Amino acid sequence: QGTFDTSQHDDVLAVAAQTHSDPHAAAATAAAGRPHATHGELRSALLG
């Protein structure tokens, strides 16, 4: 859909908000486990 490369931090938080009670903590945990990941990769990981 072309949204992988255009993903921003807010997009990562939006997925986390749908799946976790504390989206900021969920996004931070995902980023800590993938320190070199792009926003698209983090968004994909949370979705998966």
All heavy atoms as atom14 arrays in JSON, in Angstrom:
{
  "sequence": "QGTFDTSQHDDVLAVAAQTHSDPHAAAATAAAGRPHATHGELRSALLG",
  "atom14_mask": [
    [1, 1, 1, 1, 1, 1, 1, 1, 1, 0, 0, 0, 0, 0],
    [1, 1, 1, 1, 0, 0, 0, 0, 0, 0, 0, 0, 0, 0],
    [1, 1, 1, 1, 1, 1, 1, 0, 0, 0, 0, 0, 0, 0],
    [1, 1, 1, 1, 1, 1, 1, 1, 1, 1, 1, 0, 0, 0],
    [1, 1, 1, 1, 1, 1, 1, 1, 0, 0, 0, 0, 0, 0],
    [1, 1, 1, 1, 1, 1, 1, 0, 0, 0, 0, 0, 0, 0],
    [1, 1, 1, 1, 1, 1, 0, 0, 0, 0, 0, 0, 0, 0],
    [1, 1, 1, 1, 1, 1, 1, 1, 1, 0, 0, 0, 0, 0],
    [1, 1, 1, 1, 1, 1, 1, 1, 1, 1, 0, 0, 0, 0],
    [1, 1, 1, 1, 1, 1, 1, 1, 0, 0, 0, 0, 0, 0],
    [1, 1, 1, 1, 1, 1, 1, 1, 0, 0, 0, 0, 0, 0],
    [1, 1, 1, 1, 1, 1, 1, 0, 0, 0, 0, 0, 0, 0],
    [1, 1, 1, 1, 1, 1, 1, 1, 0, 0, 0, 0, 0, 0],
    [1, 1, 1, 1, 1, 0, 0, 0, 0, 0, 0, 0, 0, 0],
    [1, 1, 1, 1, 1, 1, 1, 0, 0, 0, 0, 0, 0, 0],
    [1, 1, 1, 1, 1, 0, 0, 0, 0, 0, 0, 0, 0, 0],
    [1, 1, 1, 1, 1, 0, 0, 0, 0, 0, 0, 0, 0, 0],
    [1, 1, 1, 1, 1, 1, 1, 1, 1, 0, 0, 0, 0, 0],
    [1, 1, 1, 1, 1, 1, 1, 0, 0, 0, 0, 0, 0, 0],
    [1, 1, 1, 1, 1, 1, 1, 1, 1, 1, 0, 0, 0, 0],
    [1, 1, 1, 1, 1, 1, 0, 0, 0, 0, 0, 0, 0, 0],
    [1, 1, 1, 1, 1, 1, 1, 1, 0, 0, 0, 0, 0, 0],
    [1, 1, 1, 1, 1, 1, 1, 0, 0, 0, 0, 0, 0, 0],
    [1, 1, 1, 1, 1, 1, 1, 1, 1, 1, 0, 0, 0, 0],
    [1, 1, 1, 1, 1, 0, 0, 0, 0, 0, 0, 0, 0, 0],
    [1, 1, 1, 1, 1, 0, 0, 0, 0, 0, 0, 0, 0, 0],
    [1, 1, 1, 1, 1, 0, 0, 0, 0, 0, 0, 0, 0, 0],
    [1, 1, 1, 1, 1, 0, 0, 0, 0, 0, 0, 0, 0, 0],
    [1, 1, 1, 1, 1, 1, 1, 0, 0, 0, 0, 0, 0, 0],
    [1, 1, 1, 1, 1, 0, 0, 0, 0, 0, 0, 0, 0, 0],
    [1, 1, 1, 1, 1, 0, 0, 0, 0, 0, 0, 0, 0, 0],
    [1, 1, 1, 1, 1, 0, 0, 0, 0, 0, 0, 0, 0, 0],
    [1, 1, 1, 1, 0, 0, 0, 0, 0, 0, 0, 0, 0, 0],
    [1, 1, 1, 1, 1, 1, 1, 1, 1, 1, 1, 0, 0, 0],
    [1, 1, 1, 1, 1, 1, 1, 0, 0, 0, 0, 0, 0, 0],
    [1, 1, 1, 1, 1, 1, 1, 1, 1, 1, 0, 0, 0, 0],
    [1, 1, 1, 1, 1, 0, 0, 0, 0, 0, 0, 0, 0, 0],
    [1, 1, 1, 1, 1, 1, 1, 0, 0, 0, 0, 0, 0, 0],
    [1, 1, 1, 1, 1, 1, 1, 1, 1, 1, 0, 0, 0, 0],
    [1, 1, 1, 1, 0, 0, 0, 0, 0, 0, 0, 0, 0, 0],
    [1, 1, 1, 1, 1, 1, 1, 1, 1, 0, 0, 0, 0, 0],
    [1, 1, 1, 1, 1, 1, 1, 1, 0, 0, 0, 0, 0, 0],
    [1, 1, 1, 1, 1, 1, 1, 1, 1, 1, 1, 0, 0, 0],
    [1, 1, 1, 1, 1, 1, 0, 0, 0, 0, 0, 0, 0, 0],
    [1, 1, 1, 1, 1, 0, 0, 0, 0, 0, 0, 0, 0, 0],
    [1, 1, 1, 1, 1, 1, 1, 1, 0, 0, 0, 0, 0, 0],
    [1, 1, 1, 1, 1, 1, 1, 1, 0, 0, 0, 0, 0, 0],
    [1, 1, 1, 1, 0, 0, 0, 0, 0, 0, 0, 0, 0, 0]
  ],
  "atom14_positions": [
    [[0.8, -1.21, 0.0], [0.0, 0.0, 0.0], [0.85, 1.28, 0.0], [0.31, 2.39, -0.07], [-0.92, 0.02, 1.23], [-1.92, -1.12, 1.27], [-1.34, -2.44, 1.75], [-0.17, -2.52, 2.13], [-2.14, -3.48, 1.73], [0.0, 0.0, 0.0], [0.0, 0.0, 0.0], [0.0, 0.0, 0.0], [0.0, 0.0, 0.0], [0.0, 0.0, 0.0]],
    [[2.16, 1.12, 0.1], [3.05, 2.27, 0.09], [3.15, 3.0, 1.42], [3.71, 4.1, 1.48], [0.0, 0.0, 0.0], [0.0, 0.0, 0.0], [0.0, 0.0, 0.0], [0.0, 0.0, 0.0], [0.0, 0.0, 0.0], [0.0, 0.0, 0.0], [0.0, 0.0, 0.0], [0.0, 0.0, 0.0], [0.0, 0.0, 0.0], [0.0, 0.0, 0.0]],
    [[2.64, 2.42, 2.49], [2.66, 3.09, 3.78], [3.8, 2.62, 4.68], [3.97, 3.17, 5.78], [1.32, 2.87, 4.52], [1.06, 1.46, 4.62], [0.18, 3.54, 3.77], [0.0, 0.0, 0.0], [0.0, 0.0, 0.0], [0.0, 0.0, 0.0], [0.0, 0.0, 0.0], [0.0, 0.0, 0.0], [0.0, 0.0, 0.0], [0.0, 0.0, 0.0]],
    [[4.56, 1.66, 4.23], [5.69, 1.17, 5.03], [6.76, 2.26, 5.13], [7.2, 2.62, 6.23], [6.26, -0.09, 4.39], [7.38, -0.74, 5.17], [7.1, -1.62, 6.21], [8.7, -0.49, 4.85], [8.12, -2.23, 6.92], [9.73, -1.09, 5.55], [9.44, -1.97, 6.59], [0.0, 0.0, 0.0], [0.0, 0.0, 0.0], [0.0, 0.0, 0.0]],
    [[7.16, 2.81, 3.99], [8.23, 3.81, 3.98], [7.79, 5.16, 4.52], [8.62, 5.95, 4.98], [8.77, 3.98, 2.56], [9.58, 2.78, 2.09], [10.12, 2.06, 2.94], [9.64, 2.55, 0.86], [0.0, 0.0, 0.0], [0.0, 0.0, 0.0], [0.0, 0.0, 0.0], [0.0, 0.0, 0.0], [0.0, 0.0, 0.0], [0.0, 0.0, 0.0]],
    [[6.5, 5.45, 4.46], [6.02, 6.76, 4.91], [5.6, 6.76, 6.38], [5.16, 7.79, 6.9], [4.83, 7.21, 4.05], [3.76, 6.26, 4.19], [5.23, 7.32, 2.59], [0.0, 0.0, 0.0], [0.0, 0.0, 0.0], [0.0, 0.0, 0.0], [0.0, 0.0, 0.0], [0.0, 0.0, 0.0], [0.0, 0.0, 0.0], [0.0, 0.0, 0.0]],
    [[5.72, 5.63, 7.05], [5.29, 5.54, 8.45], [6.09, 6.49, 9.34], [7.31, 6.64, 9.18], [5.45, 4.11, 8.96], [4.58, 3.23, 8.29], [0.0, 0.0, 0.0], [0.0, 0.0, 0.0], [0.0, 0.0, 0.0], [0.0, 0.0, 0.0], [0.0, 0.0, 0.0], [0.0, 0.0, 0.0], [0.0, 0.0, 0.0], [0.0, 0.0, 0.0]],
    [[5.38, 7.1, 10.28], [5.98, 7.99, 11.25], [5.71, 7.46, 12.66], [4.97, 6.48, 12.85], [5.43, 9.41, 11.1], [5.65, 10.01, 9.73], [7.13, 10.19, 9.41], [7.92, 10.58, 10.28], [7.52, 9.9, 8.16], [0.0, 0.0, 0.0], [0.0, 0.0, 0.0], [0.0, 0.0, 0.0], [0.0, 0.0, 0.0], [0.0, 0.0, 0.0]],
    [[6.27, 8.13, 13.66], [6.09, 7.7, 15.04], [4.61, 7.67, 15.42], [4.17, 6.75, 16.14], [6.86, 8.62, 15.98], [6.76, 8.21, 17.43], [7.22, 7.01, 17.91], [6.21, 8.87, 18.51], [7.0, 6.92, 19.2], [6.38, 8.03, 19.6], [0.0, 0.0, 0.0], [0.0, 0.0, 0.0], [0.0, 0.0, 0.0], [0.0, 0.0, 0.0]],
    [[3.84, 8.63, 14.94], [2.41, 8.65, 15.26], [1.7, 7.41, 14.71], [0.72, 6.93, 15.31], [1.75, 9.91, 14.71], [2.12, 11.15, 15.52], [2.69, 10.99, 16.62], [1.84, 12.27, 15.04], [0.0, 0.0, 0.0], [0.0, 0.0, 0.0], [0.0, 0.0, 0.0], [0.0, 0.0, 0.0], [0.0, 0.0, 0.0], [0.0, 0.0, 0.0]],
    [[2.16, 6.91, 13.56], [1.56, 5.69, 13.0], [1.87, 4.48, 13.88], [1.02, 3.58, 14.05], [2.08, 5.44, 11.59], [1.73, 6.57, 10.64], [0.55, 6.96, 10.61], [2.63, 7.04, 9.93], [0.0, 0.0, 0.0], [0.0, 0.0, 0.0], [0.0, 0.0, 0.0], [0.0, 0.0, 0.0], [0.0, 0.0, 0.0], [0.0, 0.0, 0.0]],
    [[3.07, 4.44, 14.42], [3.44, 3.36, 15.34], [2.57, 3.43, 16.58], [2.03, 2.41, 17.04], [4.93, 3.46, 15.72], [5.3, 2.38, 16.73], [5.81, 3.35, 14.47], [0.0, 0.0, 0.0], [0.0, 0.0, 0.0], [0.0, 0.0, 0.0], [0.0, 0.0, 0.0], [0.0, 0.0, 0.0], [0.0, 0.0, 0.0], [0.0, 0.0, 0.0]],
    [[2.37, 4.63, 17.12], [1.53, 4.79, 18.3], [0.09, 4.42, 18.02], [-0.6, 3.87, 18.89], [1.61, 6.24, 18.8], [2.89, 6.66, 19.52], [2.83, 8.14, 19.89], [3.09, 5.81, 20.78], [0.0, 0.0, 0.0], [0.0, 0.0, 0.0], [0.0, 0.0, 0.0], [0.0, 0.0, 0.0], [0.0, 0.0, 0.0], [0.0, 0.0, 0.0]],
    [[-0.38, 4.69, 16.8], [-1.77, 4.38, 16.46], [-2.02, 2.88, 16.5], [-3.06, 2.42, 16.99], [-2.11, 4.95, 15.09], [0.0, 0.0, 0.0], [0.0, 0.0, 0.0], [0.0, 0.0, 0.0], [0.0, 0.0, 0.0], [0.0, 0.0, 0.0], [0.0, 0.0, 0.0], [0.0, 0.0, 0.0], [0.0, 0.0, 0.0], [0.0, 0.0, 0.0]],
    [[-1.06, 2.1, 15.98], [-1.2, 0.65, 16.06], [-1.13, 0.19, 17.51], [-1.94, -0.65, 17.97], [-0.11, -0.05, 15.22], [-0.18, -1.57, 15.43], [-0.26, 0.27, 13.76], [0.0, 0.0, 0.0], [0.0, 0.0, 0.0], [0.0, 0.0, 0.0], [0.0, 0.0, 0.0], [0.0, 0.0, 0.0], [0.0, 0.0, 0.0], [0.0, 0.0, 0.0]],
    [[-0.2, 0.74, 18.26], [-0.05, 0.36, 19.67], [-1.31, 0.69, 20.46], [-1.7, -0.05, 21.36], [1.16, 1.06, 20.26], [0.0, 0.0, 0.0], [0.0, 0.0, 0.0], [0.0, 0.0, 0.0], [0.0, 0.0, 0.0], [0.0, 0.0, 0.0], [0.0, 0.0, 0.0], [0.0, 0.0, 0.0], [0.0, 0.0, 0.0], [0.0, 0.0, 0.0]],
    [[-1.98, 1.8, 20.11], [-3.19, 2.19, 20.83], [-4.33, 1.21, 20.58], [-5.21, 1.04, 21.43], [-3.61, 3.6, 20.4], [0.0, 0.0, 0.0], [0.0, 0.0, 0.0], [0.0, 0.0, 0.0], [0.0, 0.0, 0.0], [0.0, 0.0, 0.0], [0.0, 0.0, 0.0], [0.0, 0.0, 0.0], [0.0, 0.0, 0.0], [0.0, 0.0, 0.0]],
    [[-4.33, 0.56, 19.41], [-5.38, -0.42, 19.11], [-5.16, -1.74, 19.82], [-6.1, -2.53, 19.96], [-5.45, -0.67, 17.6], [-6.02, 0.48, 16.8], [-6.1, 0.13, 15.33], [-5.08, 0.0, 14.65], [-7.31, -0.03, 14.82], [0.0, 0.0, 0.0], [0.0, 0.0, 0.0], [0.0, 0.0, 0.0], [0.0, 0.0, 0.0], [0.0, 0.0, 0.0]],
    [[-3.93, -1.96, 20.25], [-3.59, -3.3, 20.75], [-3.09, -3.33, 22.18], [-2.95, -4.41, 22.75], [-2.52, -3.93, 19.85], [-1.37, -3.06, 19.79], [-3.04, -4.11, 18.43], [0.0, 0.0, 0.0], [0.0, 0.0, 0.0], [0.0, 0.0, 0.0], [0.0, 0.0, 0.0], [0.0, 0.0, 0.0], [0.0, 0.0, 0.0], [0.0, 0.0, 0.0]],
    [[-2.83, -2.17, 22.79], [-2.27, -2.14, 24.14], [-2.94, -1.03, 24.96], [-3.31, 0.01, 24.42], [-0.76, -1.89, 24.1], [0.02, -2.98, 23.46], [0.14, -3.12, 22.09], [0.74, -4.02, 24.0], [0.89, -4.18, 21.81], [1.26, -4.74, 22.94], [0.0, 0.0, 0.0], [0.0, 0.0, 0.0], [0.0, 0.0, 0.0], [0.0, 0.0, 0.0]],
    [[-3.04, -1.25, 26.25], [-3.64, -0.24, 27.12], [-2.72, 0.96, 27.3], [-3.19, 2.07, 27.56], [-3.96, -0.86, 28.49], [-2.79, -1.42, 29.08], [0.0, 0.0, 0.0], [0.0, 0.0, 0.0], [0.0, 0.0, 0.0], [0.0, 0.0, 0.0], [0.0, 0.0, 0.0], [0.0, 0.0, 0.0], [0.0, 0.0, 0.0], [0.0, 0.0, 0.0]],
    [[-1.41, 0.75, 27.18], [-0.43, 1.85, 27.27], [0.37, 1.87, 25.97], [1.41, 1.22, 25.85], [0.49, 1.63, 28.47], [1.42, 2.82, 28.71], [1.6, 3.64, 27.77], [1.97, 2.92, 29.82], [0.0, 0.0, 0.0], [0.0, 0.0, 0.0], [0.0, 0.0, 0.0], [0.0, 0.0, 0.0], [0.0, 0.0, 0.0], [0.0, 0.0, 0.0]],
    [[-0.12, 2.61, 24.96], [0.54, 2.58, 23.65], [1.96, 3.11, 23.67], [2.82, 2.6, 22.94], [-0.37, 3.45, 22.77], [-1.19, 4.26, 23.71], [-1.35, 3.45, 24.93], [0.0, 0.0, 0.0], [0.0, 0.0, 0.0], [0.0, 0.0, 0.0], [0.0, 0.0, 0.0], [0.0, 0.0, 0.0], [0.0, 0.0, 0.0], [0.0, 0.0, 0.0]],
    [[2.25, 4.11, 24.49], [3.61, 4.65, 24.53], [4.59, 3.6, 25.07], [5.7, 3.44, 24.53], [3.65, 5.91, 25.39], [2.97, 7.09, 24.76], [3.59, 7.89, 23.82], [1.7, 7.57, 24.91], [2.74, 8.84, 23.44], [1.59, 8.66, 24.09], [0.0, 0.0, 0.0], [0.0, 0.0, 0.0], [0.0, 0.0, 0.0], [0.0, 0.0, 0.0]],
    [[4.17, 2.86, 26.08], [5.03, 1.82, 26.62], [5.22, 0.69, 25.61], [6.32, 0.16, 25.45], [4.44, 1.27, 27.91], [0.0, 0.0, 0.0], [0.0, 0.0, 0.0], [0.0, 0.0, 0.0], [0.0, 0.0, 0.0], [0.0, 0.0, 0.0], [0.0, 0.0, 0.0], [0.0, 0.0, 0.0], [0.0, 0.0, 0.0], [0.0, 0.0, 0.0]],
    [[4.14, 0.34, 24.91], [4.24, -0.73, 23.9], [5.17, -0.32, 22.77], [5.99, -1.14, 22.31], [2.86, -1.06, 23.37], [0.0, 0.0, 0.0], [0.0, 0.0, 0.0], [0.0, 0.0, 0.0], [0.0, 0.0, 0.0], [0.0, 0.0, 0.0], [0.0, 0.0, 0.0], [0.0, 0.0, 0.0], [0.0, 0.0, 0.0], [0.0, 0.0, 0.0]],
    [[5.05, 0.91, 22.32], [5.93, 1.39, 21.24], [7.38, 1.43, 21.7], [8.3, 1.08, 20.94], [5.48, 2.77, 20.77], [0.0, 0.0, 0.0], [0.0, 0.0, 0.0], [0.0, 0.0, 0.0], [0.0, 0.0, 0.0], [0.0, 0.0, 0.0], [0.0, 0.0, 0.0], [0.0, 0.0, 0.0], [0.0, 0.0, 0.0], [0.0, 0.0, 0.0]],
    [[7.59, 1.84, 22.94], [8.96, 1.9, 23.47], [9.56, 0.5, 23.6], [10.75, 0.29, 23.31], [8.95, 2.6, 24.83], [0.0, 0.0, 0.0], [0.0, 0.0, 0.0], [0.0, 0.0, 0.0], [0.0, 0.0, 0.0], [0.0, 0.0, 0.0], [0.0, 0.0, 0.0], [0.0, 0.0, 0.0], [0.0, 0.0, 0.0], [0.0, 0.0, 0.0]],
    [[8.75, -0.45, 24.04], [9.24, -1.82, 24.15], [9.61, -2.39, 22.79], [10.64, -3.05, 22.63], [8.16, -2.71, 24.81], [7.88, -2.22, 26.11], [8.64, -4.16, 24.89], [0.0, 0.0, 0.0], [0.0, 0.0, 0.0], [0.0, 0.0, 0.0], [0.0, 0.0, 0.0], [0.0, 0.0, 0.0], [0.0, 0.0, 0.0], [0.0, 0.0, 0.0]],
    [[8.76, -2.13, 21.78], [9.06, -2.59, 20.42], [10.35, -1.96, 19.91], [11.19, -2.64, 19.29], [7.91, -2.26, 19.49], [0.0, 0.0, 0.0], [0.0, 0.0, 0.0], [0.0, 0.0, 0.0], [0.0, 0.0, 0.0], [0.0, 0.0, 0.0], [0.0, 0.0, 0.0], [0.0, 0.0, 0.0], [0.0, 0.0, 0.0], [0.0, 0.0, 0.0]],
    [[10.55, -0.69, 20.17], [11.75, 0.0, 19.71], [12.99, -0.5, 20.44], [14.07, -0.63, 19.84], [11.6, 1.51, 19.91], [0.0, 0.0, 0.0], [0.0, 0.0, 0.0], [0.0, 0.0, 0.0], [0.0, 0.0, 0.0], [0.0, 0.0, 0.0], [0.0, 0.0, 0.0], [0.0, 0.0, 0.0], [0.0, 0.0, 0.0], [0.0, 0.0, 0.0]],
    [[12.86, -0.81, 21.72], [14.01, -1.3, 22.49], [14.46, -2.66, 21.98], [15.66, -2.96, 21.99], [13.65, -1.39, 23.97], [0.0, 0.0, 0.0], [0.0, 0.0, 0.0], [0.0, 0.0, 0.0], [0.0, 0.0, 0.0], [0.0, 0.0, 0.0], [0.0, 0.0, 0.0], [0.0, 0.0, 0.0], [0.0, 0.0, 0.0], [0.0, 0.0, 0.0]],
    [[13.52, -3.47, 21.52], [13.87, -4.78, 20.99], [14.41, -4.73, 19.58], [15.0, -5.71, 19.1], [0.0, 0.0, 0.0], [0.0, 0.0, 0.0], [0.0, 0.0, 0.0], [0.0, 0.0, 0.0], [0.0, 0.0, 0.0], [0.0, 0.0, 0.0], [0.0, 0.0, 0.0], [0.0, 0.0, 0.0], [0.0, 0.0, 0.0], [0.0, 0.0, 0.0]],
    [[14.22, -3.59, 18.91], [14.71, -3.41, 17.53], [15.34, -2.03, 17.42], [14.78, -1.11, 16.82], [13.54, -3.55, 16.54], [12.83, -4.9, 16.59], [11.52, -4.84, 15.8], [10.86, -6.13, 15.76], [10.09, -6.6, 16.74], [9.91, -5.87, 17.86], [9.49, -7.77, 16.64], [0.0, 0.0, 0.0], [0.0, 0.0, 0.0], [0.0, 0.0, 0.0]],
    [[16.52, -1.85, 17.99], [17.09, -0.5, 18.13], [17.39, 0.2, 16.8], [17.48, 1.44, 16.77], [18.38, -0.75, 18.92], [18.68, -2.19, 18.75], [17.36, -2.88, 18.62], [0.0, 0.0, 0.0], [0.0, 0.0, 0.0], [0.0, 0.0, 0.0], [0.0, 0.0, 0.0], [0.0, 0.0, 0.0], [0.0, 0.0, 0.0], [0.0, 0.0, 0.0]],
    [[17.52, -0.54, 15.73], [17.83, 0.07, 14.45], [16.64, 0.06, 13.49], [16.78, 0.35, 12.3], [19.02, -0.64, 13.8], [20.25, -0.67, 14.66], [20.95, 0.47, 15.0], [20.88, -1.71, 15.28], [21.96, 0.14, 15.78], [21.94, -1.17, 15.97], [0.0, 0.0, 0.0], [0.0, 0.0, 0.0], [0.0, 0.0, 0.0], [0.0, 0.0, 0.0]],
    [[15.47, -0.27, 13.99], [14.29, -0.41, 13.13], [13.75, 0.94, 12.7], [13.8, 1.93, 13.45], [13.21, -1.19, 13.87], [0.0, 0.0, 0.0], [0.0, 0.0, 0.0], [0.0, 0.0, 0.0], [0.0, 0.0, 0.0], [0.0, 0.0, 0.0], [0.0, 0.0, 0.0], [0.0, 0.0, 0.0], [0.0, 0.0, 0.0], [0.0, 0.0, 0.0]],
    [[13.22, 0.98, 11.5], [12.51, 2.16, 11.01], [11.1, 2.19, 11.62], [10.64, 1.21, 12.21], [12.4, 2.14, 9.49], [11.55, 1.02, 9.11], [13.76, 1.97, 8.83], [0.0, 0.0, 0.0], [0.0, 0.0, 0.0], [0.0, 0.0, 0.0], [0.0, 0.0, 0.0], [0.0, 0.0, 0.0], [0.0, 0.0, 0.0], [0.0, 0.0, 0.0]],
    [[10.41, 3.31, 11.41], [9.03, 3.38, 11.9], [8.16, 2.34, 11.18], [7.26, 1.75, 11.8], [8.47, 4.79, 11.66], [9.12, 5.84, 12.49], [9.26, 5.75, 13.86], [9.68, 7.04, 12.13], [9.88, 6.83, 14.32], [10.14, 7.62, 13.3], [0.0, 0.0, 0.0], [0.0, 0.0, 0.0], [0.0, 0.0, 0.0], [0.0, 0.0, 0.0]],
    [[8.43, 2.12, 9.92], [7.67, 1.1, 9.2], [7.9, -0.29, 9.76], [6.95, -1.08, 9.9], [0.0, 0.0, 0.0], [0.0, 0.0, 0.0], [0.0, 0.0, 0.0], [0.0, 0.0, 0.0], [0.0, 0.0, 0.0], [0.0, 0.0, 0.0], [0.0, 0.0, 0.0], [0.0, 0.0, 0.0], [0.0, 0.0, 0.0], [0.0, 0.0, 0.0]],
    [[9.14, -0.6, 10.11], [9.45, -1.91, 10.68], [8.81, -2.07, 12.05], [8.31, -3.16, 12.38], [10.96, -2.09, 10.76], [11.62, -2.26, 9.4], [13.13, -2.15, 9.44], [13.67, -1.57, 10.41], [13.77, -2.65, 8.5], [0.0, 0.0, 0.0], [0.0, 0.0, 0.0], [0.0, 0.0, 0.0], [0.0, 0.0, 0.0], [0.0, 0.0, 0.0]],
    [[8.78, -1.02, 12.85], [8.15, -1.1, 14.16], [6.64, -1.26, 14.02], [6.01, -2.04, 14.75], [8.47, 0.15, 14.99], [9.92, 0.3, 15.42], [10.13, 1.63, 16.13], [10.34, -0.85, 16.34], [0.0, 0.0, 0.0], [0.0, 0.0, 0.0], [0.0, 0.0, 0.0], [0.0, 0.0, 0.0], [0.0, 0.0, 0.0], [0.0, 0.0, 0.0]],
    [[6.08, -0.51, 13.1], [4.63, -0.62, 12.86], [4.27, -2.02, 12.4], [3.29, -2.62, 12.87], [4.25, 0.42, 11.8], [2.78, 0.65, 11.6], [2.61, 1.73, 10.54], [1.21, 1.95, 10.19], [0.82, 2.7, 9.18], [1.73, 3.32, 8.41], [-0.47, 2.85, 8.9], [0.0, 0.0, 0.0], [0.0, 0.0, 0.0], [0.0, 0.0, 0.0]],
    [[5.07, -2.59, 11.5], [4.85, -3.95, 11.02], [4.98, -4.96, 12.15], [4.17, -5.9, 12.26], [5.84, -4.28, 9.9], [5.75, -5.64, 9.53], [0.0, 0.0, 0.0], [0.0, 0.0, 0.0], [0.0, 0.0, 0.0], [0.0, 0.0, 0.0], [0.0, 0.0, 0.0], [0.0, 0.0, 0.0], [0.0, 0.0, 0.0], [0.0, 0.0, 0.0]],
    [[5.98, -4.79, 12.99], [6.2, -5.72, 14.1], [5.02, -5.72, 15.06], [4.56, -6.78, 15.52], [7.48, -5.38, 14.83], [0.0, 0.0, 0.0], [0.0, 0.0, 0.0], [0.0, 0.0, 0.0], [0.0, 0.0, 0.0], [0.0, 0.0, 0.0], [0.0, 0.0, 0.0], [0.0, 0.0, 0.0], [0.0, 0.0, 0.0], [0.0, 0.0, 0.0]],
    [[4.5, -4.53, 15.37], [3.35, -4.44, 16.28], [2.12, -5.08, 15.65], [1.35, -5.78, 16.33], [3.08, -2.98, 16.62], [4.06, -2.34, 17.62], [3.86, -0.82, 17.66], [3.87, -2.92, 19.02], [0.0, 0.0, 0.0], [0.0, 0.0, 0.0], [0.0, 0.0, 0.0], [0.0, 0.0, 0.0], [0.0, 0.0, 0.0], [0.0, 0.0, 0.0]],
    [[1.92, -4.86, 14.36], [0.79, -5.48, 13.67], [0.91, -7.0, 13.69], [-0.05, -7.71, 14.0], [0.73, -5.0, 12.22], [0.02, -3.69, 11.92], [0.24, -3.28, 10.46], [-1.48, -3.82, 12.21], [0.0, 0.0, 0.0], [0.0, 0.0, 0.0], [0.0, 0.0, 0.0], [0.0, 0.0, 0.0], [0.0, 0.0, 0.0], [0.0, 0.0, 0.0]],
    [[2.09, -7.49, 13.35], [2.29, -8.94, 13.3], [2.09, -9.61, 14.63], [1.48, -10.69, 14.72], [0.0, 0.0, 0.0], [0.0, 0.0, 0.0], [0.0, 0.0, 0.0], [0.0, 0.0, 0.0], [0.0, 0.0, 0.0], [0.0, 0.0, 0.0], [0.0, 0.0, 0.0], [0.0, 0.0, 0.0], [0.0, 0.0, 0.0], [0.0, 0.0, 0.0]]
  ]
}
